[in-house]
Amino acid sequence: MVEKLKDLLSDGVVIGILGLFALFINNSLNRLDKSISEVRADIQRLDGQSLKREDLDLIIKLTNTQGETNETD
């Protein structure tokens, strides 16, 4: 009886840890999806405008900086 309870408890701990890991992955994927959507919106907004090389470099730099900031959240 005690052994069965210990087994159930250890199984519950493993399931709980896997659940937390799944939540972390889901949160990360949601943030990535949001970032991709924002970049797509920016591209659509800028589509049709004439961009200079300096503008493109700035967009790339800001996008890279935003990605680094999101990783530390």
C-alpha atoms as a PDB file:
ATOM      1  CA  MET A   1       0.000   0.000   0.000  1.00  0.00           C
ATOM      2  CA  VAL A   2       2.760   2.432   0.973  1.00  0.00           C
ATOM      3  CA  GLU A   3       4.781   1.438  -2.102  1.00  0.00           C
ATOM      4  CA  LYS A   4       1.801   2.130  -4.357  1.00  0.00           C
ATOM      5  CA  LEU A   5       1.394   5.572  -2.775  1.00  0.00           C
ATOM      6  CA  LYS A   6       5.085   6.307  -3.298  1.00  0.00           C
ATOM      7  CA  ASP A   7       4.811   5.227  -6.942  1.00  0.00           C
ATOM      8  CA  LEU A   8       1.748   7.428  -7.454  1.00  0.00           C
ATOM      9  CA  LEU A   9       3.500  10.364  -5.801  1.00  0.00           C
ATOM     10  CA  SER A  10       6.607   9.979  -7.940  1.00  0.00           C
ATOM     11  CA  ASP A  11       4.443   9.653 -11.058  1.00  0.00           C
ATOM     12  CA  GLY A  12       2.604  12.826 -10.064  1.00  0.00           C
ATOM     13  CA  VAL A  13       5.866  14.708  -9.639  1.00  0.00           C
ATOM     14  CA  VAL A  14       7.079  13.597 -13.070  1.00  0.00           C
ATOM     15  CA  ILE A  15       3.762  14.566 -14.667  1.00  0.00           C
ATOM     16  CA  GLY A  16       3.873  17.936 -12.902  1.00  0.00           C
ATOM     17  CA  ILE A  17       7.398  18.641 -14.137  1.00  0.00           C
ATOM     18  CA  LEU A  18       6.430  17.651 -17.682  1.00  0.00           C
ATOM     19  CA  GLY A  19       3.377  19.909 -17.433  1.00  0.00           C
ATOM     20  CA  LEU A  20       5.499  22.883 -16.381  1.00  0.00           C
ATOM     21  CA  PHE A  21       7.906  22.188 -19.222  1.00  0.00           C
ATOM     22  CA  ALA A  22       4.981  22.079 -21.680  1.00  0.00           C
ATOM     23  CA  LEU A  23       3.693  25.424 -20.355  1.00  0.00           C
ATOM     24  CA  PHE A  24       7.144  26.972 -20.798  1.00  0.00           C
ATOM     25  CA  ILE A  25       7.351  25.735 -24.397  1.00  0.00           C
ATOM     26  CA  ASN A  26       3.822  26.951 -25.125  1.00  0.00           C
ATOM     27  CA  ASN A  27       4.615  30.403 -23.707  1.00  0.00           C
ATOM     28  CA  SER A  28       7.795  30.615 -25.779  1.00  0.00           C
ATOM     29  CA  LEU A  29       5.953  29.607 -28.954  1.00  0.00           C
ATOM     30  CA  ASN A  30       3.233  32.177 -28.301  1.00  0.00           C
ATOM     31  CA  ARG A  31       5.849  34.927 -27.913  1.00  0.00           C
ATOM     32  CA  LEU A  32       7.576  33.808 -31.099  1.00  0.00           C
ATOM     33  CA  ASP A  33       4.258  33.803 -32.963  1.00  0.00           C
ATOM     34  CA  LYS A  34       3.523  37.319 -31.694  1.00  0.00           C
ATOM     35  CA  SER A  35       6.953  38.539 -32.813  1.00  0.00           C
ATOM     36  CA  ILE A  36       6.521  36.987 -36.250  1.00  0.00           C
ATOM     37  CA  SER A  37       3.098  38.608 -36.582  1.00  0.00           C
ATOM     38  CA  GLU A  38       4.544  41.998 -35.657  1.00  0.00           C
ATOM     39  CA  VAL A  39       7.328  41.644 -38.227  1.00  0.00           C
ATOM     40  CA  ARG A  40       4.816  40.614 -40.894  1.00  0.00           C
ATOM     41  CA  ALA A  41       2.663  43.636 -40.051  1.00  0.00           C
ATOM     42  CA  ASP A  42       5.720  45.893 -40.313  1.00  0.00           C
ATOM     43  CA  ILE A  43       6.644  44.393 -43.679  1.00  0.00           C
ATOM     44  CA  GLN A  44       3.104  44.854 -45.002  1.00  0.00           C
ATOM     45  CA  ARG A  45       3.050  48.427 -43.735  1.00  0.00           C
ATOM     46  CA  LEU A  46       6.397  49.167 -45.359  1.00  0.00           C
ATOM     47  CA  ASP A  47       5.550  47.345 -48.583  1.00  0.00           C
ATOM     48  CA  GLY A  48       5.218  49.826 -51.382  1.00  0.00           C
ATOM     49  CA  GLN A  49       7.345  52.453 -49.669  1.00  0.00           C
ATOM     50  CA  SER A  50      10.750  53.069 -51.099  1.00  0.00           C
ATOM     51  CA  LEU A  51      13.326  52.118 -48.502  1.00  0.00           C
ATOM     52  CA  LYS A  52      16.943  53.134 -48.429  1.00  0.00           C
ATOM     53  CA  ARG A  53      19.703  50.728 -47.441  1.00  0.00           C
ATOM     54  CA  GLU A  54      20.118  52.604 -44.142  1.00  0.00           C
ATOM     55  CA  ASP A  55      16.425  52.054 -43.363  1.00  0.00           C
ATOM     56  CA  LEU A  56      16.739  48.328 -43.999  1.00  0.00           C
ATOM     57  CA  ASP A  57      19.843  48.123 -41.809  1.00  0.00           C
ATOM     58  CA  LEU A  58      17.989  49.914 -39.018  1.00  0.00           C
ATOM     59  CA  ILE A  59      15.011  47.535 -39.311  1.00  0.00           C
ATOM     60  CA  ILE A  60      17.314  44.519 -39.142  1.00  0.00           C
ATOM     61  CA  LYS A  61      19.182  45.962 -36.158  1.00  0.00           C
ATOM     62  CA  LEU A  62      15.953  46.727 -34.277  1.00  0.00           C
ATOM     63  CA  THR A  63      14.544  43.274 -35.045  1.00  0.00           C
ATOM     64  CA  ASN A  64      17.709  41.600 -33.748  1.00  0.00           C
ATOM     65  CA  THR A  65      17.689  43.771 -30.621  1.00  0.00           C
ATOM     66  CA  GLN A  66      14.036  42.921 -29.966  1.00  0.00           C
ATOM     67  CA  GLY A  67      14.809  39.200 -30.271  1.00  0.00           C
ATOM     68  CA  GLU A  68      17.612  39.481 -27.731  1.00  0.00           C
ATOM     69  CA  THR A  69      15.318  41.346 -25.338  1.00  0.00           C
ATOM     70  CA  ASN A  70      12.582  38.711 -25.659  1.00  0.00           C
ATOM     71  CA  GLU A  71      15.000  35.897 -24.865  1.00  0.00           C
ATOM     72  CA  THR A  72      15.770  37.386 -21.456  1.00  0.00           C
ATOM     73  CA  ASP A  73      12.092  37.792 -20.470  1.00  0.00           C
END
